[in-house]
């Protein structure tokens, strides 16, 4: 079973039907699409009614889980149901071959490999990776430390444990760091598959969190703070001489 999941914010509600339509139009059509829309948003006060999206399962948590809600809320709902969970962003549209590309990449990799379309190494944030080559440099396939959710990430929800569902305040705006740190903690390799990034195209981006300041921190500083917190808490990244197995 394939479940595609995402979250959204009120400024993007009008564009959601277009995005959702590209997900239903996948050649590897999802069995379910799950959309997380909190009842109360941290950045957008007031009441916001969800748009009408036929066939989409809408989760309405009372509090705002932030961007990580696109995967954590659906994952908690479908664990134990023997499914692939493909999470993505609401300000991108996806080529009809997109989901099939992820499933093909997953079939070609060993068990417990998270598949991403875009990612980077933790040295970008001033820390050291312990993972051996091959690395996913440029457009090539290979291991990365951070899976970027915008172009898609595929995993099995049963791989996750309870810790990942409780991100700290520092990780609220930078879900890629929190999720990827937990993948590392759980012994999950992140494999960036060549060619998948080209199957996602950005669209208009109102309410962009990428350029917003949260708690006085811009995106780069928030990434670095969350990465250091995760490194300290989980004993990952920055521990030289303790490389993990080759990806």
C-alpha atoms as a PDB file:
ATOM      1  CA  UNK A   1       0.000   0.000   0.000  1.00  0.00           C
ATOM      2  CA  UNK A   2       1.235   3.501  -0.839  1.00  0.00           C
ATOM      3  CA  UNK A   3       0.222   6.456   1.330  1.00  0.00           C
ATOM      4  CA  UNK A   4       1.192   9.989   0.279  1.00  0.00           C
ATOM      5  CA  UNK A   5       1.093  12.588   3.026  1.00  0.00           C
ATOM      6  CA  UNK A   6       1.612  16.317   3.401  1.00  0.00           C
ATOM      7  CA  UNK A   7       0.572  19.321   5.451  1.00  0.00           C
ATOM      8  CA  UNK A   8      -0.386  22.865   4.500  1.00  0.00           C
ATOM      9  CA  UNK A   9      -0.888  26.404   5.792  1.00  0.00           C
ATOM     10  CA  UNK A  10      -3.807  28.799   5.174  1.00  0.00           C
ATOM     11  CA  UNK A  11      -2.048  31.000   2.558  1.00  0.00           C
ATOM     12  CA  UNK A  12      -1.658  27.917   0.372  1.00  0.00           C
ATOM     13  CA  UNK A  13      -5.154  26.452   0.710  1.00  0.00           C
ATOM     14  CA  UNK A  14      -6.273  27.881  -2.640  1.00  0.00           C
ATOM     15  CA  UNK A  15      -3.466  26.081  -4.496  1.00  0.00           C
ATOM     16  CA  UNK A  16      -3.950  22.743  -2.713  1.00  0.00           C
ATOM     17  CA  UNK A  17      -6.374  21.214  -5.296  1.00  0.00           C
ATOM     18  CA  UNK A  18      -3.745  21.624  -8.006  1.00  0.00           C
ATOM     19  CA  UNK A  19      -1.094  19.904  -5.890  1.00  0.00           C
ATOM     20  CA  UNK A  20      -3.426  17.116  -4.776  1.00  0.00           C
ATOM     21  CA  UNK A  21      -4.524  16.495  -8.359  1.00  0.00           C
ATOM     22  CA  UNK A  22      -0.906  15.762  -9.351  1.00  0.00           C
ATOM     23  CA  UNK A  23      -0.700  13.232  -6.510  1.00  0.00           C
ATOM     24  CA  UNK A  24      -3.882  11.410  -7.558  1.00  0.00           C
ATOM     25  CA  UNK A  25      -2.582  11.434 -11.154  1.00  0.00           C
ATOM     26  CA  UNK A  26       0.530   9.409 -10.327  1.00  0.00           C
ATOM     27  CA  UNK A  27       1.077   6.326 -12.492  1.00  0.00           C
ATOM     28  CA  UNK A  28       1.788   4.513  -9.221  1.00  0.00           C
ATOM     29  CA  UNK A  29      -1.455   5.855  -7.781  1.00  0.00           C
ATOM     30  CA  UNK A  30      -1.565   6.170  -3.987  1.00  0.00           C
ATOM     31  CA  UNK A  31      -4.059   4.110  -2.038  1.00  0.00           C
ATOM     32  CA  UNK A  32      -4.514   7.018   0.343  1.00  0.00           C
ATOM     33  CA  UNK A  33      -3.588  10.684   0.594  1.00  0.00           C
ATOM     34  CA  UNK A  34      -3.439  12.068   4.138  1.00  0.00           C
ATOM     35  CA  UNK A  35      -3.330  15.820   4.754  1.00  0.00           C
ATOM     36  CA  UNK A  36      -2.566  17.292   8.178  1.00  0.00           C
ATOM     37  CA  UNK A  37      -4.254  20.653   8.862  1.00  0.00           C
ATOM     38  CA  UNK A  38      -4.093  21.779  12.504  1.00  0.00           C
ATOM     39  CA  UNK A  39      -7.098  23.527  14.001  1.00  0.00           C
ATOM     40  CA  UNK A  40      -4.864  26.268  15.390  1.00  0.00           C
ATOM     41  CA  UNK A  41      -1.754  27.487  13.574  1.00  0.00           C
ATOM     42  CA  UNK A  42       1.255  28.923  15.338  1.00  0.00           C
ATOM     43  CA  UNK A  43       1.980  31.483  12.604  1.00  0.00           C
ATOM     44  CA  UNK A  44      -1.587  32.183  11.447  1.00  0.00           C
ATOM     45  CA  UNK A  45      -4.008  33.147  14.240  1.00  0.00           C
ATOM     46  CA  UNK A  46      -7.728  32.641  13.907  1.00  0.00           C
ATOM     47  CA  UNK A  47      -9.957  29.907  12.520  1.00  0.00           C
ATOM     48  CA  UNK A  48      -9.193  28.406   9.124  1.00  0.00           C
ATOM     49  CA  UNK A  49     -11.607  26.015   7.467  1.00  0.00           C
ATOM     50  CA  UNK A  50      -9.964  23.280   5.406  1.00  0.00           C
ATOM     51  CA  UNK A  51     -10.574  23.274   1.646  1.00  0.00           C
ATOM     52  CA  UNK A  52     -12.802  20.687   0.012  1.00  0.00           C
ATOM     53  CA  UNK A  53     -10.518  17.937  -1.316  1.00  0.00           C
ATOM     54  CA  UNK A  54     -12.548  14.849  -2.289  1.00  0.00           C
ATOM     55  CA  UNK A  55     -10.944  11.556  -1.342  1.00  0.00           C
ATOM     56  CA  UNK A  56      -8.268  13.115   0.869  1.00  0.00           C
ATOM     57  CA  UNK A  57      -8.145  12.085   4.534  1.00  0.00           C
ATOM     58  CA  UNK A  58      -7.738  15.258   6.601  1.00  0.00           C
ATOM     59  CA  UNK A  59      -6.222  15.056  10.089  1.00  0.00           C
ATOM     60  CA  UNK A  60      -7.071  17.991  12.395  1.00  0.00           C
ATOM     61  CA  UNK A  61      -4.753  18.075  15.433  1.00  0.00           C
ATOM     62  CA  UNK A  62      -5.615  20.801  17.936  1.00  0.00           C
ATOM     63  CA  UNK A  63      -2.088  22.214  18.096  1.00  0.00           C
ATOM     64  CA  UNK A  64       0.286  22.993  15.252  1.00  0.00           C
ATOM     65  CA  UNK A  65       2.921  20.243  14.854  1.00  0.00           C
ATOM     66  CA  UNK A  66       4.813  22.363  12.335  1.00  0.00           C
ATOM     67  CA  UNK A  67       6.121  21.044   9.024  1.00  0.00           C
ATOM     68  CA  UNK A  68       7.002  17.654  10.567  1.00  0.00           C
ATOM     69  CA  UNK A  69       3.251  17.092  10.898  1.00  0.00           C
ATOM     70  CA  UNK A  70       3.182  16.161   7.227  1.00  0.00           C
ATOM     71  CA  UNK A  71       4.752  12.801   8.122  1.00  0.00           C
ATOM     72  CA  UNK A  72       4.519  12.311  11.904  1.00  0.00           C
ATOM     73  CA  UNK A  73       0.747  12.600  12.206  1.00  0.00           C
ATOM     74  CA  UNK A  74       0.029  10.257   9.258  1.00  0.00           C
ATOM     75  CA  UNK A  75       2.779   7.836  10.326  1.00  0.00           C
ATOM     76  CA  UNK A  76       1.209   7.434  13.752  1.00  0.00           C
ATOM     77  CA  UNK A  77      -2.104   6.657  12.027  1.00  0.00           C
ATOM     78  CA  UNK A  78      -0.835   3.994   9.597  1.00  0.00           C
ATOM     79  CA  UNK A  79       1.868   2.187  11.576  1.00  0.00           C
ATOM     80  CA  UNK A  80       1.250  -1.540  11.523  1.00  0.00           C
ATOM     81  CA  UNK A  81      -0.572  -1.414   8.182  1.00  0.00           C
ATOM     82  CA  UNK A  82       2.299  -2.659   5.966  1.00  0.00           C
ATOM     83  CA  UNK A  83       2.600   0.459   3.835  1.00  0.00           C
ATOM     84  CA  UNK A  84       5.070   2.774   2.177  1.00  0.00           C
ATOM     85  CA  UNK A  85       4.748   6.378   3.331  1.00  0.00           C
ATOM     86  CA  UNK A  86       5.801   9.065   0.848  1.00  0.00           C
ATOM     87  CA  UNK A  87       5.809  12.570   2.280  1.00  0.00           C
ATOM     88  CA  UNK A  88       6.149  15.792   0.328  1.00  0.00           C
ATOM     89  CA  UNK A  89       5.429  19.530   0.388  1.00  0.00           C
ATOM     90  CA  UNK A  90       2.317  21.480  -0.561  1.00  0.00           C
ATOM     91  CA  UNK A  91       4.032  24.081  -2.764  1.00  0.00           C
ATOM     92  CA  UNK A  92       5.340  21.645  -5.375  1.00  0.00           C
ATOM     93  CA  UNK A  93       3.702  19.717  -8.183  1.00  0.00           C
ATOM     94  CA  UNK A  94       4.780  16.217  -9.082  1.00  0.00           C
ATOM     95  CA  UNK A  95       5.376  14.499 -12.413  1.00  0.00           C
ATOM     96  CA  UNK A  96       3.233  11.387 -13.048  1.00  0.00           C
ATOM     97  CA  UNK A  97       6.345   9.172 -12.733  1.00  0.00           C
ATOM     98  CA  UNK A  98       7.346  10.650  -9.347  1.00  0.00           C
ATOM     99  CA  UNK A  99       5.902   8.076  -6.922  1.00  0.00           C
ATOM    100  CA  UNK A 100       6.837   5.154  -9.192  1.00  0.00           C
ATOM    101  CA  UNK A 101      10.426   6.411  -9.144  1.00  0.00           C
ATOM    102  CA  UNK A 102      10.499   6.255  -5.353  1.00  0.00           C
ATOM    103  CA  UNK A 103       9.068   2.756  -5.257  1.00  0.00           C
ATOM    104  CA  UNK A 104      11.578   1.564  -7.848  1.00  0.00           C
ATOM    105  CA  UNK A 105      14.453   3.101  -5.870  1.00  0.00           C
ATOM    106  CA  UNK A 106      13.226   1.424  -2.686  1.00  0.00           C
ATOM    107  CA  UNK A 107      13.095  -1.970  -4.414  1.00  0.00           C
ATOM    108  CA  UNK A 108      16.703  -1.552  -5.538  1.00  0.00           C
ATOM    109  CA  UNK A 109      18.016  -0.810  -2.030  1.00  0.00           C
ATOM    110  CA  UNK A 110      18.476  -3.008   1.045  1.00  0.00           C
ATOM    111  CA  UNK A 111      15.877  -3.099   3.779  1.00  0.00           C
ATOM    112  CA  UNK A 112      15.565  -0.012   6.015  1.00  0.00           C
ATOM    113  CA  UNK A 113      16.782   2.543   3.463  1.00  0.00           C
ATOM    114  CA  UNK A 114      14.951   5.859   3.507  1.00  0.00           C
ATOM    115  CA  UNK A 115      14.709   7.163  -0.091  1.00  0.00           C
ATOM    116  CA  UNK A 116      14.885  10.882  -0.844  1.00  0.00           C
ATOM    117  CA  UNK A 117      14.933  13.005  -3.985  1.00  0.00           C
ATOM    118  CA  UNK A 118      17.116  15.743  -2.517  1.00  0.00           C
ATOM    119  CA  UNK A 119      19.474  15.882   0.424  1.00  0.00           C
ATOM    120  CA  UNK A 120      22.840  17.034   1.712  1.00  0.00           C
ATOM    121  CA  UNK A 121      25.647  16.174   4.106  1.00  0.00           C
ATOM    122  CA  UNK A 122      25.766  17.363   7.692  1.00  0.00           C
ATOM    123  CA  UNK A 123      29.131  19.068   7.193  1.00  0.00           C
ATOM    124  CA  UNK A 124      27.110  21.912   5.652  1.00  0.00           C
ATOM    125  CA  UNK A 125      25.925  22.615   9.198  1.00  0.00           C
ATOM    126  CA  UNK A 126      29.368  22.402  10.781  1.00  0.00           C
ATOM    127  CA  UNK A 127      29.211  18.778  11.948  1.00  0.00           C
ATOM    128  CA  UNK A 128      30.870  15.566  10.794  1.00  0.00           C
ATOM    129  CA  UNK A 129      29.165  12.542   9.298  1.00  0.00           C
ATOM    130  CA  UNK A 130      30.269   9.060  10.235  1.00  0.00           C
ATOM    131  CA  UNK A 131      28.794   7.437   7.138  1.00  0.00           C
ATOM    132  CA  UNK A 132      31.197   5.936   4.592  1.00  0.00           C
ATOM    133  CA  UNK A 133      31.067   6.450   0.830  1.00  0.00           C
ATOM    134  CA  UNK A 134      29.373   6.408  -1.645  1.00  0.00           C
ATOM    135  CA  UNK A 135      28.000   9.859  -1.000  1.00  0.00           C
ATOM    136  CA  UNK A 136      25.175  11.511  -2.926  1.00  0.00           C
ATOM    137  CA  UNK A 137      27.135  14.455  -4.303  1.00  0.00           C
ATOM    138  CA  UNK A 138      25.528  16.794  -6.821  1.00  0.00           C
ATOM    139  CA  UNK A 139      22.951  14.910  -8.874  1.00  0.00           C
ATOM    140  CA  UNK A 140      24.501  11.479  -8.286  1.00  0.00           C
ATOM    141  CA  UNK A 141      22.886   8.723  -6.250  1.00  0.00           C
ATOM    142  CA  UNK A 142      24.374   8.007  -2.851  1.00  0.00           C
ATOM    143  CA  UNK A 143      24.106   8.426   0.902  1.00  0.00           C
ATOM    144  CA  UNK A 144      23.211  11.759   2.476  1.00  0.00           C
ATOM    145  CA  UNK A 145      22.758  12.808   6.099  1.00  0.00           C
ATOM    146  CA  UNK A 146      19.773  15.133   5.655  1.00  0.00           C
ATOM    147  CA  UNK A 147      16.725  14.168   3.588  1.00  0.00           C
ATOM    148  CA  UNK A 148      14.897  17.238   2.252  1.00  0.00           C
ATOM    149  CA  UNK A 149      11.154  16.737   2.250  1.00  0.00           C
ATOM    150  CA  UNK A 150      10.147  19.156  -0.493  1.00  0.00           C
ATOM    151  CA  UNK A 151      10.736  16.768  -3.407  1.00  0.00           C
ATOM    152  CA  UNK A 152       9.676  13.664  -1.500  1.00  0.00           C
ATOM    153  CA  UNK A 153      10.913  11.140   1.056  1.00  0.00           C
ATOM    154  CA  UNK A 154       9.822   7.485   1.186  1.00  0.00           C
ATOM    155  CA  UNK A 155       9.967   5.267   4.268  1.00  0.00           C
ATOM    156  CA  UNK A 156       8.120   2.541   6.133  1.00  0.00           C
ATOM    157  CA  UNK A 157       6.273   3.987   9.159  1.00  0.00           C
ATOM    158  CA  UNK A 158       6.913   0.816  11.160  1.00  0.00           C
ATOM    159  CA  UNK A 159      10.608   1.750  11.254  1.00  0.00           C
ATOM    160  CA  UNK A 160       9.827   4.699  13.550  1.00  0.00           C
ATOM    161  CA  UNK A 161       9.661   4.698  17.334  1.00  0.00           C
ATOM    162  CA  UNK A 162       8.007   6.973  19.874  1.00  0.00           C
ATOM    163  CA  UNK A 163      10.953   9.383  20.223  1.00  0.00           C
ATOM    164  CA  UNK A 164      10.560  10.803  16.730  1.00  0.00           C
ATOM    165  CA  UNK A 165       6.974  11.833  17.480  1.00  0.00           C
ATOM    166  CA  UNK A 166       8.079  14.307  20.174  1.00  0.00           C
ATOM    167  CA  UNK A 167      10.274  16.944  18.480  1.00  0.00           C
ATOM    168  CA  UNK A 168      11.729  19.629  20.765  1.00  0.00           C
ATOM    169  CA  UNK A 169      10.829  23.286  20.400  1.00  0.00           C
ATOM    170  CA  UNK A 170      14.121  23.994  18.591  1.00  0.00           C
ATOM    171  CA  UNK A 171      13.212  21.565  15.809  1.00  0.00           C
ATOM    172  CA  UNK A 172       9.718  22.926  15.178  1.00  0.00           C
ATOM    173  CA  UNK A 173      10.589  24.975  12.047  1.00  0.00           C
ATOM    174  CA  UNK A 174      13.311  22.631  10.713  1.00  0.00           C
ATOM    175  CA  UNK A 175      11.684  19.239  10.341  1.00  0.00           C
ATOM    176  CA  UNK A 176      14.285  17.918   7.889  1.00  0.00           C
ATOM    177  CA  UNK A 177      16.927  18.066  10.635  1.00  0.00           C
ATOM    178  CA  UNK A 178      14.795  16.398  13.307  1.00  0.00           C
ATOM    179  CA  UNK A 179      13.531  13.625  11.047  1.00  0.00           C
ATOM    180  CA  UNK A 180      16.953  12.891   9.540  1.00  0.00           C
ATOM    181  CA  UNK A 181      18.629  12.849  12.959  1.00  0.00           C
ATOM    182  CA  UNK A 182      16.132  10.245  14.078  1.00  0.00           C
ATOM    183  CA  UNK A 183      16.723   8.183  10.950  1.00  0.00           C
ATOM    184  CA  UNK A 184      20.416   8.182  11.881  1.00  0.00           C
ATOM    185  CA  UNK A 185      19.640   7.305  15.494  1.00  0.00           C
ATOM    186  CA  UNK A 186      17.454   4.396  14.356  1.00  0.00           C
ATOM    187  CA  UNK A 187      20.156   3.035  12.043  1.00  0.00           C
ATOM    188  CA  UNK A 188      18.289   3.961   8.859  1.00  0.00           C
ATOM    189  CA  UNK A 189      20.428   4.937   5.879  1.00  0.00           C
ATOM    190  CA  UNK A 190      19.225   7.818   3.702  1.00  0.00           C
ATOM    191  CA  UNK A 191      19.678   7.108  -0.001  1.00  0.00           C
ATOM    192  CA  UNK A 192      19.331   9.961  -2.489  1.00  0.00           C
ATOM    193  CA  UNK A 193      18.159   8.474  -5.779  1.00  0.00           C
ATOM    194  CA  UNK A 194      19.349  10.226  -8.928  1.00  0.00           C
ATOM    195  CA  UNK A 195      16.630  11.573 -11.195  1.00  0.00           C
ATOM    196  CA  UNK A 196      13.842  11.936  -8.645  1.00  0.00           C
ATOM    197  CA  UNK A 197      14.521  15.618  -7.922  1.00  0.00           C
ATOM    198  CA  UNK A 198      13.747  16.506 -11.562  1.00  0.00           C
ATOM    199  CA  UNK A 199      10.213  15.117 -11.127  1.00  0.00           C
ATOM    200  CA  UNK A 200       9.174  17.874  -8.671  1.00  0.00           C
ATOM    201  CA  UNK A 201       8.523  21.481  -9.706  1.00  0.00           C
ATOM    202  CA  UNK A 202       8.074  24.379  -7.312  1.00  0.00           C
ATOM    203  CA  UNK A 203       5.032  26.635  -7.581  1.00  0.00           C
ATOM    204  CA  UNK A 204       4.003  29.867  -5.870  1.00  0.00           C
ATOM    205  CA  UNK A 205       5.015  29.874  -2.205  1.00  0.00           C
ATOM    206  CA  UNK A 206       2.939  32.207   0.013  1.00  0.00           C
ATOM    207  CA  UNK A 207       3.741  31.999   3.718  1.00  0.00           C
ATOM    208  CA  UNK A 208       7.229  30.651   2.995  1.00  0.00           C
ATOM    209  CA  UNK A 209       8.843  29.217   6.144  1.00  0.00           C
ATOM    210  CA  UNK A 210      12.213  29.016   4.407  1.00  0.00           C
ATOM    211  CA  UNK A 211      12.707  32.785   4.645  1.00  0.00           C
ATOM    212  CA  UNK A 212      10.809  33.340   7.902  1.00  0.00           C
ATOM    213  CA  UNK A 213      12.413  33.967  11.277  1.00  0.00           C
ATOM    214  CA  UNK A 214      11.160  31.727  14.080  1.00  0.00           C
ATOM    215  CA  UNK A 215      12.211  32.612  17.623  1.00  0.00           C
ATOM    216  CA  UNK A 216      14.588  35.215  16.174  1.00  0.00           C
ATOM    217  CA  UNK A 217      16.514  32.639  14.118  1.00  0.00           C
ATOM    218  CA  UNK A 218      16.784  32.474  10.341  1.00  0.00           C
ATOM    219  CA  UNK A 219      16.682  29.105   8.582  1.00  0.00           C
ATOM    220  CA  UNK A 220      20.436  28.534   8.616  1.00  0.00           C
ATOM    221  CA  UNK A 221      20.817  29.242  12.329  1.00  0.00           C
ATOM    222  CA  UNK A 222      17.732  27.187  13.167  1.00  0.00           C
ATOM    223  CA  UNK A 223      19.148  24.262  11.181  1.00  0.00           C
ATOM    224  CA  UNK A 224      22.489  24.511  12.959  1.00  0.00           C
ATOM    225  CA  UNK A 225      20.921  24.794  16.402  1.00  0.00           C
ATOM    226  CA  UNK A 226      18.647  21.804  15.854  1.00  0.00           C
ATOM    227  CA  UNK A 227      21.470  19.730  14.347  1.00  0.00           C
ATOM    228  CA  UNK A 228      23.738  20.378  17.335  1.00  0.00           C
ATOM    229  CA  UNK A 229      20.912  19.587  19.747  1.00  0.00           C
ATOM    230  CA  UNK A 230      20.272  16.266  17.980  1.00  0.00           C
ATOM    231  CA  UNK A 231      23.989  15.455  17.832  1.00  0.00           C
ATOM    232  CA  UNK A 232      24.284  15.977  21.579  1.00  0.00           C
ATOM    233  CA  UNK A 233      21.060  14.186  22.480  1.00  0.00           C
ATOM    234  CA  UNK A 234      21.514  11.132  20.262  1.00  0.00           C
ATOM    235  CA  UNK A 235      25.299  10.828  20.088  1.00  0.00           C
ATOM    236  CA  UNK A 236      25.384  11.229  16.309  1.00  0.00           C
ATOM    237  CA  UNK A 237      27.185  13.580  13.862  1.00  0.00           C
ATOM    238  CA  UNK A 238      30.511  14.951  14.866  1.00  0.00           C
ATOM    239  CA  UNK A 239      31.860  11.724  16.359  1.00  0.00           C
ATOM    240  CA  UNK A 240      34.930  11.188  14.224  1.00  0.00           C
ATOM    241  CA  UNK A 241      36.441   7.759  13.743  1.00  0.00           C
ATOM    242  CA  UNK A 242      33.152   5.934  14.273  1.00  0.00           C
ATOM    243  CA  UNK A 243      31.933   5.483  10.730  1.00  0.00           C
ATOM    244  CA  UNK A 244      28.839   3.407  10.166  1.00  0.00           C
ATOM    245  CA  UNK A 245      28.554   0.674   7.576  1.00  0.00           C
ATOM    246  CA  UNK A 246      28.742   1.586   3.904  1.00  0.00           C
ATOM    247  CA  UNK A 247      25.397   2.699   2.548  1.00  0.00           C
END
